[in-house]
C-alpha atoms as a PDB file:
ATOM      1  CA  MET A   1       2.439  12.521  -5.838  1.00  0.00           C
ATOM      2  CA  PHE A   2       3.849   9.641  -7.874  1.00  0.00           C
ATOM      3  CA  ILE A   3       4.083  10.424 -11.581  1.00  0.00           C
ATOM      4  CA  LEU A   4       5.224   8.245 -14.448  1.00  0.00           C
ATOM      5  CA  ILE A   5       6.627  10.398 -17.268  1.00  0.00           C
ATOM      6  CA  SER A   6       7.328   9.072 -20.750  1.00  0.00           C
ATOM      7  CA  TYR A   7       8.520  10.901 -23.819  1.00  0.00           C
ATOM      8  CA  ASP A   8       8.864  10.388 -27.554  1.00  0.00           C
ATOM      9  CA  VAL A   9      11.115  13.054 -29.059  1.00  0.00           C
ATOM     10  CA  ALA A  10      12.667  12.779 -32.519  1.00  0.00           C
ATOM     11  CA  ALA A  11      15.577  15.252 -32.411  1.00  0.00           C
ATOM     12  CA  ASP A  12      18.689  14.253 -30.454  1.00  0.00           C
ATOM     13  CA  ARG A  13      19.359  17.723 -29.036  1.00  0.00           C
ATOM     14  CA  GLN A  14      15.843  18.140 -27.649  1.00  0.00           C
ATOM     15  CA  ARG A  15      15.704  14.532 -26.425  1.00  0.00           C
ATOM     16  CA  ASN A  16      18.996  14.938 -24.531  1.00  0.00           C
ATOM     17  CA  LYS A  17      17.848  18.194 -22.923  1.00  0.00           C
ATOM     18  CA  ILE A  18      14.538  16.618 -21.871  1.00  0.00           C
ATOM     19  CA  ALA A  19      16.318  13.582 -20.415  1.00  0.00           C
ATOM     20  CA  LYS A  20      18.625  15.825 -18.347  1.00  0.00           C
ATOM     21  CA  LEU A  21      15.689  17.817 -16.997  1.00  0.00           C
ATOM     22  CA  LEU A  22      13.836  14.648 -16.053  1.00  0.00           C
ATOM     23  CA  GLU A  23      16.931  13.064 -14.461  1.00  0.00           C
ATOM     24  CA  ALA A  24      17.055  16.051 -12.107  1.00  0.00           C
ATOM     25  CA  HIS A  25      13.482  15.356 -10.975  1.00  0.00           C
ATOM     26  CA  GLY A  26      13.135  11.588 -10.903  1.00  0.00           C
ATOM     27  CA  THR A  27      14.532   8.149 -11.584  1.00  0.00           C
ATOM     28  CA  ARG A  28      15.047   6.804 -15.101  1.00  0.00           C
ATOM     29  CA  VAL A  29      13.483   3.328 -15.240  1.00  0.00           C
ATOM     30  CA  GLN A  30      13.514   2.839 -19.019  1.00  0.00           C
ATOM     31  CA  PHE A  31      15.279   4.757 -21.769  1.00  0.00           C
ATOM     32  CA  SER A  32      12.418   7.246 -22.138  1.00  0.00           C
ATOM     33  CA  VAL A  33      10.460   6.598 -18.923  1.00  0.00           C
ATOM     34  CA  PHE A  34      10.913   8.241 -15.526  1.00  0.00           C
ATOM     35  CA  GLU A  35       9.307   7.735 -12.126  1.00  0.00           C
ATOM     36  CA  CYS A  36       9.005  10.915 -10.094  1.00  0.00           C
ATOM     37  CA  ASN A  37       7.686  11.972  -6.703  1.00  0.00           C
ATOM     38  CA  LEU A  38       6.671  15.592  -7.190  1.00  0.00           C
ATOM     39  CA  THR A  39       4.441  18.169  -5.619  1.00  0.00           C
ATOM     40  CA  GLU A  40       1.883  19.948  -7.775  1.00  0.00           C
ATOM     41  CA  VAL A  41       4.131  23.043  -7.828  1.00  0.00           C
ATOM     42  CA  GLN A  42       7.187  20.991  -8.869  1.00  0.00           C
ATOM     43  CA  LEU A  43       5.184  19.324 -11.648  1.00  0.00           C
ATOM     44  CA  THR A  44       3.966  22.675 -12.962  1.00  0.00           C
ATOM     45  CA  MET A  45       7.513  24.070 -12.978  1.00  0.00           C
ATOM     46  CA  LEU A  46       8.861  20.950 -14.704  1.00  0.00           C
ATOM     47  CA  LYS A  47       6.227  21.209 -17.443  1.00  0.00           C
ATOM     48  CA  LYS A  48       7.188  24.858 -18.021  1.00  0.00           C
ATOM     49  CA  LYS A  49      10.857  23.885 -18.351  1.00  0.00           C
ATOM     50  CA  LEU A  50      10.056  21.046 -20.772  1.00  0.00           C
ATOM     51  CA  ALA A  51       7.635  22.930 -23.028  1.00  0.00           C
ATOM     52  CA  PRO A  52      10.242  24.863 -25.090  1.00  0.00           C
ATOM     53  CA  TRP A  53      11.939  21.603 -26.107  1.00  0.00           C
ATOM     54  CA  ILE A  54       8.853  19.988 -27.661  1.00  0.00           C
ATOM     55  CA  GLU A  55       8.181  20.078 -31.404  1.00  0.00           C
ATOM     56  CA  PRO A  56       4.698  19.506 -32.893  1.00  0.00           C
ATOM     57  CA  ASP A  57       5.304  15.782 -33.565  1.00  0.00           C
ATOM     58  CA  ASP A  58       6.904  15.104 -30.141  1.00  0.00           C
ATOM     59  CA  SER A  59       5.103  14.128 -26.953  1.00  0.00           C
ATOM     60  CA  ILE A  60       5.655  13.947 -23.227  1.00  0.00           C
ATOM     61  CA  ARG A  61       3.055  12.093 -21.158  1.00  0.00           C
ATOM     62  CA  PHE A  62       2.434  12.477 -17.433  1.00  0.00           C
ATOM     63  CA  TYR A  63       0.625   9.631 -15.670  1.00  0.00           C
ATOM     64  CA  ARG A  64      -0.425  10.405 -12.097  1.00  0.00           C
ATOM     65  CA  LEU A  65      -0.707   7.265 -10.003  1.00  0.00           C
ATOM     66  CA  CYS A  66      -2.703   7.219  -6.787  1.00  0.00           C
ATOM     67  CA  LYS A  67      -1.255   5.559  -3.704  1.00  0.00           C
ATOM     68  CA  GLU A  68      -3.332   2.413  -4.234  1.00  0.00           C
ATOM     69  CA  CYS A  69      -2.201   2.188  -7.869  1.00  0.00           C
ATOM     70  CA  VAL A  70       1.464   2.576  -6.909  1.00  0.00           C
ATOM     71  CA  GLU A  71       1.081  -0.221  -4.360  1.00  0.00           C
ATOM     72  CA  ARG A  72      -0.228  -2.489  -7.137  1.00  0.00           C
ATOM     73  CA  VAL A  73       2.663  -1.923  -9.574  1.00  0.00           C
ATOM     74  CA  ASP A  74       4.273  -5.216 -10.628  1.00  0.00           C
ATOM     75  CA  ILE A  75       7.821  -5.415 -11.960  1.00  0.00           C
ATOM     76  CA  ILE A  76       9.170  -8.378 -13.876  1.00  0.00           C
ATOM     77  CA  GLY A  77      12.946  -8.404 -14.198  1.00  0.00           C
ATOM     78  CA  SER A  78      15.417  -5.967 -12.718  1.00  0.00           C
ATOM     79  CA  GLY A  79      14.693  -2.721 -10.972  1.00  0.00           C
ATOM     80  CA  GLU A  80      12.693  -1.435  -8.059  1.00  0.00           C
ATOM     81  CA  LEU A  81       9.858   1.022  -7.831  1.00  0.00           C
ATOM     82  CA  THR A  82      11.072   4.533  -7.070  1.00  0.00           C
ATOM     83  CA  THR A  83      10.501   5.560  -3.473  1.00  0.00           C
ATOM     84  CA  GLU A  84      10.235   8.994  -1.922  1.00  0.00           C
ATOM     85  CA  ARG A  85      13.446  10.950  -2.089  1.00  0.00           C
ATOM     86  CA  GLN A  86      14.786  11.812   1.308  1.00  0.00           C
ATOM     87  CA  TYR A  87      16.249  15.230   1.948  1.00  0.00           C
ATOM     88  CA  PHE A  88      18.530  16.157   4.784  1.00  0.00           C
ATOM     89  CA  ILE A  89      19.221  19.737   5.805  1.00  0.00           C
ATOM     90  CA  VAL A  90      22.667  20.159   7.315  1.00  0.00           C
END
């Protein structure tokens, strides 16, 4: 499923850790916004990994976009919409 993840985290240490975790699961499209193609299991595991780094005033938002919604995304300026990651087993 296609998920847009955004975060607002005050502390540098936590923000850097969250960014690294998200970079391992998706594509950074803005400073604090990531596009990810994840299964339900992967999303659940990612949320568990992120939870310890969130303070009461911080937030991470997960927006699930249906296929039709993803097809209607418009981009003005640079960048392309994230596509499915391809995996090759060698």
